[in-house]
């Protein structure tokens, strides 16, 4: 956690899910990012 610049990797799951989702892409990406 001392390497805060690694936070960019938190975008992995939201972006993957938002890309492959068939619906509610923004909803998934926003909630997934908030959770992480």
ModelCIF file with pLDDT and N, C-alpha, C, O atoms, coordinates in Angstrom:
data_MODEL
#
_entry.id   MODEL 
#
_entity.id                         1 
_entity.type                       polymer 
_entity.pdbx_number_of_molecules   1 
#
_entity_poly.entity_id                      1 
_entity_poly.type                           'polypeptide(L)' 
_entity_poly.nstd_linkage                   no 
_entity_poly.nstd_monomer                   no 
_entity_poly.pdbx_seq_one_letter_code       
;(UNK)(UNK)(UNK)(UNK)(UNK)(UNK)(UNK)(UNK)(UNK)(UNK)(UNK)(UNK)(UNK)(UNK)(UNK)(UNK)
(UNK)(UNK)(UNK)(UNK)(UNK)(UNK)(UNK)(UNK)(UNK)(UNK)(UNK)(UNK)(UNK)(UNK)(UNK)(UNK)
(UNK)(UNK)(UNK)(UNK)
;
_entity_poly.pdbx_seq_one_letter_code_can   XXXXXXXXXXXXXXXXXXXXXXXXXXXXXXXXXXXX 
_entity_poly.pdbx_strand_id                 A 
#
loop_
_entity_poly_seq.entity_id 
_entity_poly_seq.num 
_entity_poly_seq.mon_id 
_entity_poly_seq.hetero 
1 1  UNK n 
1 2  UNK n 
1 3  UNK n 
1 4  UNK n 
1 5  UNK n 
1 6  UNK n 
1 7  UNK n 
1 8  UNK n 
1 9  UNK n 
1 10 UNK n 
1 11 UNK n 
1 12 UNK n 
1 13 UNK n 
1 14 UNK n 
1 15 UNK n 
1 16 UNK n 
1 17 UNK n 
1 18 UNK n 
1 19 UNK n 
1 20 UNK n 
1 21 UNK n 
1 22 UNK n 
1 23 UNK n 
1 24 UNK n 
1 25 UNK n 
1 26 UNK n 
1 27 UNK n 
1 28 UNK n 
1 29 UNK n 
1 30 UNK n 
1 31 UNK n 
1 32 UNK n 
1 33 UNK n 
1 34 UNK n 
1 35 UNK n 
1 36 UNK n 
#
_struct_asym.id          A 
_struct_asym.entity_id   1 
#
loop_
_ma_qa_metric.id 
_ma_qa_metric.mode 
_ma_qa_metric.name 
_ma_qa_metric.software_group_id 
_ma_qa_metric.type 
1 global pLDDT . pLDDT 
2 local  pLDDT . pLDDT 
#
_ma_qa_metric_global.metric_id      1 
_ma_qa_metric_global.metric_value   85.78 
_ma_qa_metric_global.model_id       1 
_ma_qa_metric_global.ordinal_id     1 
#
loop_
_ma_qa_metric_local.label_asym_id 
_ma_qa_metric_local.label_comp_id 
_ma_qa_metric_local.label_seq_id 
_ma_qa_metric_local.metric_id 
_ma_qa_metric_local.metric_value 
_ma_qa_metric_local.model_id 
_ma_qa_metric_local.ordinal_id 
A UNK 1  2 64.00 1 1  
A UNK 2  2 64.00 1 2  
A UNK 3  2 64.00 1 3  
A UNK 4  2 68.00 1 4  
A UNK 5  2 72.00 1 5  
A UNK 6  2 75.00 1 6  
A UNK 7  2 79.00 1 7  
A UNK 8  2 84.00 1 8  
A UNK 9  2 86.00 1 9  
A UNK 10 2 88.00 1 10 
A UNK 11 2 88.00 1 11 
A UNK 12 2 88.00 1 12 
A UNK 13 2 88.00 1 13 
A UNK 14 2 90.00 1 14 
A UNK 15 2 90.00 1 15 
A UNK 16 2 89.00 1 16 
A UNK 17 2 87.00 1 17 
A UNK 18 2 86.00 1 18 
A UNK 19 2 87.00 1 19 
A UNK 20 2 85.00 1 20 
A UNK 21 2 84.00 1 21 
A UNK 22 2 83.00 1 22 
A UNK 23 2 84.00 1 23 
A UNK 24 2 89.00 1 24 
A UNK 25 2 91.00 1 25 
A UNK 26 2 94.00 1 26 
A UNK 27 2 94.00 1 27 
A UNK 28 2 93.00 1 28 
A UNK 29 2 93.00 1 29 
A UNK 30 2 95.00 1 30 
A UNK 31 2 96.00 1 31 
A UNK 32 2 94.00 1 32 
A UNK 33 2 94.00 1 33 
A UNK 34 2 95.00 1 34 
A UNK 35 2 95.00 1 35 
A UNK 36 2 92.00 1 36 
#
loop_
_atom_site.group_PDB 
_atom_site.id 
_atom_site.type_symbol 
_atom_site.label_atom_id 
_atom_site.label_alt_id 
_atom_site.label_comp_id 
_atom_site.label_asym_id 
_atom_site.label_entity_id 
_atom_site.label_seq_id 
_atom_site.pdbx_PDB_ins_code 
_atom_site.Cartn_x 
_atom_site.Cartn_y 
_atom_site.Cartn_z 
_atom_site.occupancy 
_atom_site.B_iso_or_equiv 
_atom_site.pdbx_formal_charge 
_atom_site.auth_seq_id 
_atom_site.auth_comp_id 
_atom_site.auth_asym_id 
_atom_site.auth_atom_id 
_atom_site.pdbx_PDB_model_num 
ATOM 1   N N  . UNK A 1 1  ? 0.808   -1.213 0.000   1.00 64.00 ? 1  UNK A N  1 
ATOM 2   C CA . UNK A 1 1  ? 0.000   0.000  0.000   1.00 64.00 ? 1  UNK A CA 1 
ATOM 3   C C  . UNK A 1 1  ? 0.846   1.270  0.000   1.00 64.00 ? 1  UNK A C  1 
ATOM 4   O O  . UNK A 1 1  ? 0.322   2.364  -0.207  1.00 64.00 ? 1  UNK A O  1 
ATOM 5   N N  . UNK A 1 2  ? 2.162   1.129  0.233   1.00 64.00 ? 2  UNK A N  1 
ATOM 6   C CA . UNK A 1 2  ? 2.997   2.327  0.185   1.00 64.00 ? 2  UNK A CA 1 
ATOM 7   C C  . UNK A 1 2  ? 3.225   2.801  -1.242  1.00 64.00 ? 2  UNK A C  1 
ATOM 8   O O  . UNK A 1 2  ? 3.702   3.918  -1.448  1.00 64.00 ? 2  UNK A O  1 
ATOM 9   N N  . UNK A 1 3  ? 2.897   1.980  -2.225  1.00 64.00 ? 3  UNK A N  1 
ATOM 10  C CA . UNK A 1 3  ? 3.067   2.341  -3.633  1.00 64.00 ? 3  UNK A CA 1 
ATOM 11  C C  . UNK A 1 3  ? 1.714   2.760  -4.205  1.00 64.00 ? 3  UNK A C  1 
ATOM 12  O O  . UNK A 1 3  ? 1.062   1.990  -4.910  1.00 64.00 ? 3  UNK A O  1 
ATOM 13  N N  . UNK A 1 4  ? 1.305   3.984  -3.893  1.00 68.00 ? 4  UNK A N  1 
ATOM 14  C CA . UNK A 1 4  ? -0.035  4.424  -4.260  1.00 68.00 ? 4  UNK A CA 1 
ATOM 15  C C  . UNK A 1 4  ? -0.227  4.514  -5.771  1.00 68.00 ? 4  UNK A C  1 
ATOM 16  O O  . UNK A 1 4  ? -1.357  4.460  -6.256  1.00 68.00 ? 4  UNK A O  1 
ATOM 17  N N  . UNK A 1 5  ? 0.876   4.650  -6.519  1.00 72.00 ? 5  UNK A N  1 
ATOM 18  C CA . UNK A 1 5  ? 0.713   4.736  -7.971  1.00 72.00 ? 5  UNK A CA 1 
ATOM 19  C C  . UNK A 1 5  ? 0.248   3.410  -8.566  1.00 72.00 ? 5  UNK A C  1 
ATOM 20  O O  . UNK A 1 5  ? -0.177  3.367  -9.720  1.00 72.00 ? 5  UNK A O  1 
ATOM 21  N N  . UNK A 1 6  ? 0.323   2.331  -7.792  1.00 75.00 ? 6  UNK A N  1 
ATOM 22  C CA . UNK A 1 6  ? -0.202  1.058  -8.265  1.00 75.00 ? 6  UNK A CA 1 
ATOM 23  C C  . UNK A 1 6  ? -1.730  1.058  -8.320  1.00 75.00 ? 6  UNK A C  1 
ATOM 24  O O  . UNK A 1 6  ? -2.331  0.114  -8.831  1.00 75.00 ? 6  UNK A O  1 
ATOM 25  N N  . UNK A 1 7  ? -2.360  2.116  -7.793  1.00 79.00 ? 7  UNK A N  1 
ATOM 26  C CA . UNK A 1 7  ? -3.819  2.170  -7.797  1.00 79.00 ? 7  UNK A CA 1 
ATOM 27  C C  . UNK A 1 7  ? -4.396  2.113  -9.205  1.00 79.00 ? 7  UNK A C  1 
ATOM 28  O O  . UNK A 1 7  ? -5.572  1.792  -9.378  1.00 79.00 ? 7  UNK A O  1 
ATOM 29  N N  . UNK A 1 8  ? -3.595  2.415  -10.196 1.00 84.00 ? 8  UNK A N  1 
ATOM 30  C CA . UNK A 1 8  ? -4.086  2.365  -11.572 1.00 84.00 ? 8  UNK A CA 1 
ATOM 31  C C  . UNK A 1 8  ? -4.572  0.965  -11.925 1.00 84.00 ? 8  UNK A C  1 
ATOM 32  O O  . UNK A 1 8  ? -5.431  0.800  -12.791 1.00 84.00 ? 8  UNK A O  1 
ATOM 33  N N  . UNK A 1 9  ? -4.011  -0.059 -11.244 1.00 86.00 ? 9  UNK A N  1 
ATOM 34  C CA . UNK A 1 9  ? -4.431  -1.427 -11.531 1.00 86.00 ? 9  UNK A CA 1 
ATOM 35  C C  . UNK A 1 9  ? -5.855  -1.711 -11.056 1.00 86.00 ? 9  UNK A C  1 
ATOM 36  O O  . UNK A 1 9  ? -6.457  -2.706 -11.458 1.00 86.00 ? 9  UNK A O  1 
ATOM 37  N N  . UNK A 1 10 ? -6.396  -0.836 -10.198 1.00 88.00 ? 10 UNK A N  1 
ATOM 38  C CA . UNK A 1 10 ? -7.784  -1.003 -9.774  1.00 88.00 ? 10 UNK A CA 1 
ATOM 39  C C  . UNK A 1 10 ? -8.747  -0.839 -10.950 1.00 88.00 ? 10 UNK A C  1 
ATOM 40  O O  . UNK A 1 10 ? -9.920  -1.201 -10.856 1.00 88.00 ? 10 UNK A O  1 
ATOM 41  N N  . UNK A 1 11 ? -8.245  -0.294 -12.051 1.00 88.00 ? 11 UNK A N  1 
ATOM 42  C CA . UNK A 1 11 ? -9.086  -0.117 -13.233 1.00 88.00 ? 11 UNK A CA 1 
ATOM 43  C C  . UNK A 1 11 ? -9.253  -1.407 -14.033 1.00 88.00 ? 11 UNK A C  1 
ATOM 44  O O  . UNK A 1 11 ? -10.099 -1.478 -14.924 1.00 88.00 ? 11 UNK A O  1 
ATOM 45  N N  . UNK A 1 12 ? -8.452  -2.427 -13.720 1.00 88.00 ? 12 UNK A N  1 
ATOM 46  C CA . UNK A 1 12 ? -8.464  -3.653 -14.528 1.00 88.00 ? 12 UNK A CA 1 
ATOM 47  C C  . UNK A 1 12 ? -9.842  -4.286 -14.564 1.00 88.00 ? 12 UNK A C  1 
ATOM 48  O O  . UNK A 1 12 ? -10.422 -4.445 -15.639 1.00 88.00 ? 12 UNK A O  1 
ATOM 49  N N  . UNK A 1 13 ? -10.382 -4.655 -13.390 1.00 88.00 ? 13 UNK A N  1 
ATOM 50  C CA . UNK A 1 13 ? -11.677 -5.337 -13.349 1.00 88.00 ? 13 UNK A CA 1 
ATOM 51  C C  . UNK A 1 13 ? -12.808 -4.459 -13.881 1.00 88.00 ? 13 UNK A C  1 
ATOM 52  O O  . UNK A 1 13 ? -13.614 -4.945 -14.675 1.00 88.00 ? 13 UNK A O  1 
ATOM 53  N N  . UNK A 1 14 ? -12.908 -3.176 -13.478 1.00 90.00 ? 14 UNK A N  1 
ATOM 54  C CA . UNK A 1 14 ? -13.974 -2.345 -14.049 1.00 90.00 ? 14 UNK A CA 1 
ATOM 55  C C  . UNK A 1 14 ? -13.909 -2.228 -15.564 1.00 90.00 ? 14 UNK A C  1 
ATOM 56  O O  . UNK A 1 14 ? -14.940 -2.269 -16.235 1.00 90.00 ? 14 UNK A O  1 
ATOM 57  N N  . UNK A 1 15 ? -12.687 -2.080 -16.116 1.00 90.00 ? 15 UNK A N  1 
ATOM 58  C CA . UNK A 1 15 ? -12.561 -1.934 -17.562 1.00 90.00 ? 15 UNK A CA 1 
ATOM 59  C C  . UNK A 1 15 ? -12.873 -3.237 -18.294 1.00 90.00 ? 15 UNK A C  1 
ATOM 60  O O  . UNK A 1 15 ? -13.550 -3.235 -19.321 1.00 90.00 ? 15 UNK A O  1 
ATOM 61  N N  . UNK A 1 16 ? -12.369 -4.356 -17.750 1.00 89.00 ? 16 UNK A N  1 
ATOM 62  C CA . UNK A 1 16 ? -12.663 -5.647 -18.386 1.00 89.00 ? 16 UNK A CA 1 
ATOM 63  C C  . UNK A 1 16 ? -14.160 -5.920 -18.359 1.00 89.00 ? 16 UNK A C  1 
ATOM 64  O O  . UNK A 1 16 ? -14.758 -6.276 -19.374 1.00 89.00 ? 16 UNK A O  1 
ATOM 65  N N  . UNK A 1 17 ? -14.763 -5.746 -17.162 1.00 87.00 ? 17 UNK A N  1 
ATOM 66  C CA . UNK A 1 17 ? -16.195 -5.983 -17.038 1.00 87.00 ? 17 UNK A CA 1 
ATOM 67  C C  . UNK A 1 17 ? -17.011 -5.047 -17.898 1.00 87.00 ? 17 UNK A C  1 
ATOM 68  O O  . UNK A 1 17 ? -17.973 -5.464 -18.543 1.00 87.00 ? 17 UNK A O  1 
ATOM 69  N N  . UNK A 1 18 ? -16.627 -3.767 -17.909 1.00 86.00 ? 18 UNK A N  1 
ATOM 70  C CA . UNK A 1 18 ? -17.349 -2.804 -18.724 1.00 86.00 ? 18 UNK A CA 1 
ATOM 71  C C  . UNK A 1 18 ? -17.247 -3.108 -20.212 1.00 86.00 ? 18 UNK A C  1 
ATOM 72  O O  . UNK A 1 18 ? -18.165 -2.815 -20.978 1.00 86.00 ? 18 UNK A O  1 
ATOM 73  N N  . UNK A 1 19 ? -16.114 -3.704 -20.619 1.00 87.00 ? 19 UNK A N  1 
ATOM 74  C CA . UNK A 1 19 ? -15.911 -4.013 -22.036 1.00 87.00 ? 19 UNK A CA 1 
ATOM 75  C C  . UNK A 1 19 ? -16.699 -5.246 -22.464 1.00 87.00 ? 19 UNK A C  1 
ATOM 76  O O  . UNK A 1 19 ? -17.290 -5.256 -23.543 1.00 87.00 ? 19 UNK A O  1 
ATOM 77  N N  . UNK A 1 20 ? -16.713 -6.290 -21.626 1.00 85.00 ? 20 UNK A N  1 
ATOM 78  C CA . UNK A 1 20 ? -17.353 -7.548 -22.036 1.00 85.00 ? 20 UNK A CA 1 
ATOM 79  C C  . UNK A 1 20 ? -18.820 -7.627 -21.642 1.00 85.00 ? 20 UNK A C  1 
ATOM 80  O O  . UNK A 1 20 ? -19.537 -8.506 -22.120 1.00 85.00 ? 20 UNK A O  1 
ATOM 81  N N  . UNK A 1 21 ? -19.280 -6.727 -20.780 1.00 84.00 ? 21 UNK A N  1 
ATOM 82  C CA . UNK A 1 21 ? -20.677 -6.767 -20.353 1.00 84.00 ? 21 UNK A CA 1 
ATOM 83  C C  . UNK A 1 21 ? -21.610 -6.489 -21.528 1.00 84.00 ? 21 UNK A C  1 
ATOM 84  O O  . UNK A 1 21 ? -21.297 -5.697 -22.417 1.00 84.00 ? 21 UNK A O  1 
ATOM 85  N N  . UNK A 1 22 ? -22.745 -7.147 -21.511 1.00 83.00 ? 22 UNK A N  1 
ATOM 86  C CA . UNK A 1 22 ? -23.732 -6.929 -22.557 1.00 83.00 ? 22 UNK A CA 1 
ATOM 87  C C  . UNK A 1 22 ? -24.716 -5.819 -22.195 1.00 83.00 ? 22 UNK A C  1 
ATOM 88  O O  . UNK A 1 22 ? -25.443 -5.318 -23.053 1.00 83.00 ? 22 UNK A O  1 
ATOM 89  N N  . UNK A 1 23 ? -24.731 -5.438 -20.905 1.00 84.00 ? 23 UNK A N  1 
ATOM 90  C CA . UNK A 1 23 ? -25.617 -4.373 -20.439 1.00 84.00 ? 23 UNK A CA 1 
ATOM 91  C C  . UNK A 1 23 ? -25.031 -3.767 -19.165 1.00 84.00 ? 23 UNK A C  1 
ATOM 92  O O  . UNK A 1 23 ? -24.158 -4.351 -18.523 1.00 84.00 ? 23 UNK A O  1 
ATOM 93  N N  . UNK A 1 24 ? -25.524 -2.604 -18.823 1.00 89.00 ? 24 UNK A N  1 
ATOM 94  C CA . UNK A 1 24 ? -25.137 -1.913 -17.583 1.00 89.00 ? 24 UNK A CA 1 
ATOM 95  C C  . UNK A 1 24 ? -23.606 -1.784 -17.463 1.00 89.00 ? 24 UNK A C  1 
ATOM 96  O O  . UNK A 1 24 ? -23.041 -2.019 -16.395 1.00 89.00 ? 24 UNK A O  1 
ATOM 97  N N  . UNK A 1 25 ? -22.962 -1.416 -18.540 1.00 91.00 ? 25 UNK A N  1 
ATOM 98  C CA . UNK A 1 25 ? -21.502 -1.333 -18.521 1.00 91.00 ? 25 UNK A CA 1 
ATOM 99  C C  . UNK A 1 25 ? -21.002 -0.252 -17.557 1.00 91.00 ? 25 UNK A C  1 
ATOM 100 O O  . UNK A 1 25 ? -20.087 -0.486 -16.767 1.00 91.00 ? 25 UNK A O  1 
ATOM 101 N N  . UNK A 1 26 ? -21.610 0.919  -17.632 1.00 94.00 ? 26 UNK A N  1 
ATOM 102 C CA . UNK A 1 26 ? -21.188 2.020  -16.757 1.00 94.00 ? 26 UNK A CA 1 
ATOM 103 C C  . UNK A 1 26 ? -21.504 1.682  -15.299 1.00 94.00 ? 26 UNK A C  1 
ATOM 104 O O  . UNK A 1 26 ? -20.718 1.984  -14.401 1.00 94.00 ? 26 UNK A O  1 
ATOM 105 N N  . UNK A 1 27 ? -22.648 1.059  -15.075 1.00 94.00 ? 27 UNK A N  1 
ATOM 106 C CA . UNK A 1 27 ? -23.037 0.669  -13.717 1.00 94.00 ? 27 UNK A CA 1 
ATOM 107 C C  . UNK A 1 27 ? -22.010 -0.281 -13.123 1.00 94.00 ? 27 UNK A C  1 
ATOM 108 O O  . UNK A 1 27 ? -21.565 -0.097 -11.989 1.00 94.00 ? 27 UNK A O  1 
ATOM 109 N N  . UNK A 1 28 ? -21.635 -1.295 -13.890 1.00 93.00 ? 28 UNK A N  1 
ATOM 110 C CA . UNK A 1 28 ? -20.649 -2.242 -13.385 1.00 93.00 ? 28 UNK A CA 1 
ATOM 111 C C  . UNK A 1 28 ? -19.320 -1.557 -13.116 1.00 93.00 ? 28 UNK A C  1 
ATOM 112 O O  . UNK A 1 28 ? -18.736 -1.736 -12.048 1.00 93.00 ? 28 UNK A O  1 
ATOM 113 N N  . UNK A 1 29 ? -18.841 -0.782 -14.066 1.00 93.00 ? 29 UNK A N  1 
ATOM 114 C CA . UNK A 1 29 ? -17.536 -0.143 -13.922 1.00 93.00 ? 29 UNK A CA 1 
ATOM 115 C C  . UNK A 1 29 ? -17.501 0.783  -12.713 1.00 93.00 ? 29 UNK A C  1 
ATOM 116 O O  . UNK A 1 29 ? -16.522 0.789  -11.967 1.00 93.00 ? 29 UNK A O  1 
ATOM 117 N N  . UNK A 1 30 ? -18.562 1.568  -12.511 1.00 95.00 ? 30 UNK A N  1 
ATOM 118 C CA . UNK A 1 30 ? -18.594 2.527  -11.403 1.00 95.00 ? 30 UNK A CA 1 
ATOM 119 C C  . UNK A 1 30 ? -18.620 1.809  -10.056 1.00 95.00 ? 30 UNK A C  1 
ATOM 120 O O  . UNK A 1 30 ? -17.860 2.158  -9.153  1.00 95.00 ? 30 UNK A O  1 
ATOM 121 N N  . UNK A 1 31 ? -19.484 0.814  -9.919  1.00 96.00 ? 31 UNK A N  1 
ATOM 122 C CA . UNK A 1 31 ? -19.584 0.093  -8.648  1.00 96.00 ? 31 UNK A CA 1 
ATOM 123 C C  . UNK A 1 31 ? -18.331 -0.732 -8.372  1.00 96.00 ? 31 UNK A C  1 
ATOM 124 O O  . UNK A 1 31 ? -17.856 -0.776 -7.237  1.00 96.00 ? 31 UNK A O  1 
ATOM 125 N N  . UNK A 1 32 ? -17.791 -1.387 -9.403  1.00 94.00 ? 32 UNK A N  1 
ATOM 126 C CA . UNK A 1 32 ? -16.590 -2.203 -9.210  1.00 94.00 ? 32 UNK A CA 1 
ATOM 127 C C  . UNK A 1 32 ? -15.420 -1.342 -8.750  1.00 94.00 ? 32 UNK A C  1 
ATOM 128 O O  . UNK A 1 32 ? -14.664 -1.736 -7.862  1.00 94.00 ? 32 UNK A O  1 
ATOM 129 N N  . UNK A 1 33 ? -15.275 -0.168 -9.356  1.00 94.00 ? 33 UNK A N  1 
ATOM 130 C CA . UNK A 1 33 ? -14.192 0.725  -8.968  1.00 94.00 ? 33 UNK A CA 1 
ATOM 131 C C  . UNK A 1 33 ? -14.390 1.227  -7.535  1.00 94.00 ? 33 UNK A C  1 
ATOM 132 O O  . UNK A 1 33 ? -13.440 1.288  -6.756  1.00 94.00 ? 33 UNK A O  1 
ATOM 133 N N  . UNK A 1 34 ? -15.628 1.582  -7.197  1.00 95.00 ? 34 UNK A N  1 
ATOM 134 C CA . UNK A 1 34 ? -15.917 2.062  -5.845  1.00 95.00 ? 34 UNK A CA 1 
ATOM 135 C C  . UNK A 1 34 ? -15.627 0.983  -4.803  1.00 95.00 ? 34 UNK A C  1 
ATOM 136 O O  . UNK A 1 34 ? -15.074 1.278  -3.744  1.00 95.00 ? 34 UNK A O  1 
ATOM 137 N N  . UNK A 1 35 ? -15.994 -0.255 -5.093  1.00 95.00 ? 35 UNK A N  1 
ATOM 138 C CA . UNK A 1 35 ? -15.751 -1.360 -4.165  1.00 95.00 ? 35 UNK A CA 1 
ATOM 139 C C  . UNK A 1 35 ? -14.261 -1.521 -3.904  1.00 95.00 ? 35 UNK A C  1 
ATOM 140 O O  . UNK A 1 35 ? -13.836 -1.642 -2.755  1.00 95.00 ? 35 UNK A O  1 
ATOM 141 N N  . UNK A 1 36 ? -13.475 -1.522 -4.965  1.00 92.00 ? 36 UNK A N  1 
ATOM 142 C CA . UNK A 1 36 ? -12.042 -1.755 -4.803  1.00 92.00 ? 36 UNK A CA 1 
ATOM 143 C C  . UNK A 1 36 ? -11.341 -0.576 -4.134  1.00 92.00 ? 36 UNK A C  1 
ATOM 144 O O  . UNK A 1 36 ? -10.128 -0.615 -3.926  1.00 92.00 ? 36 UNK A O  1 
#
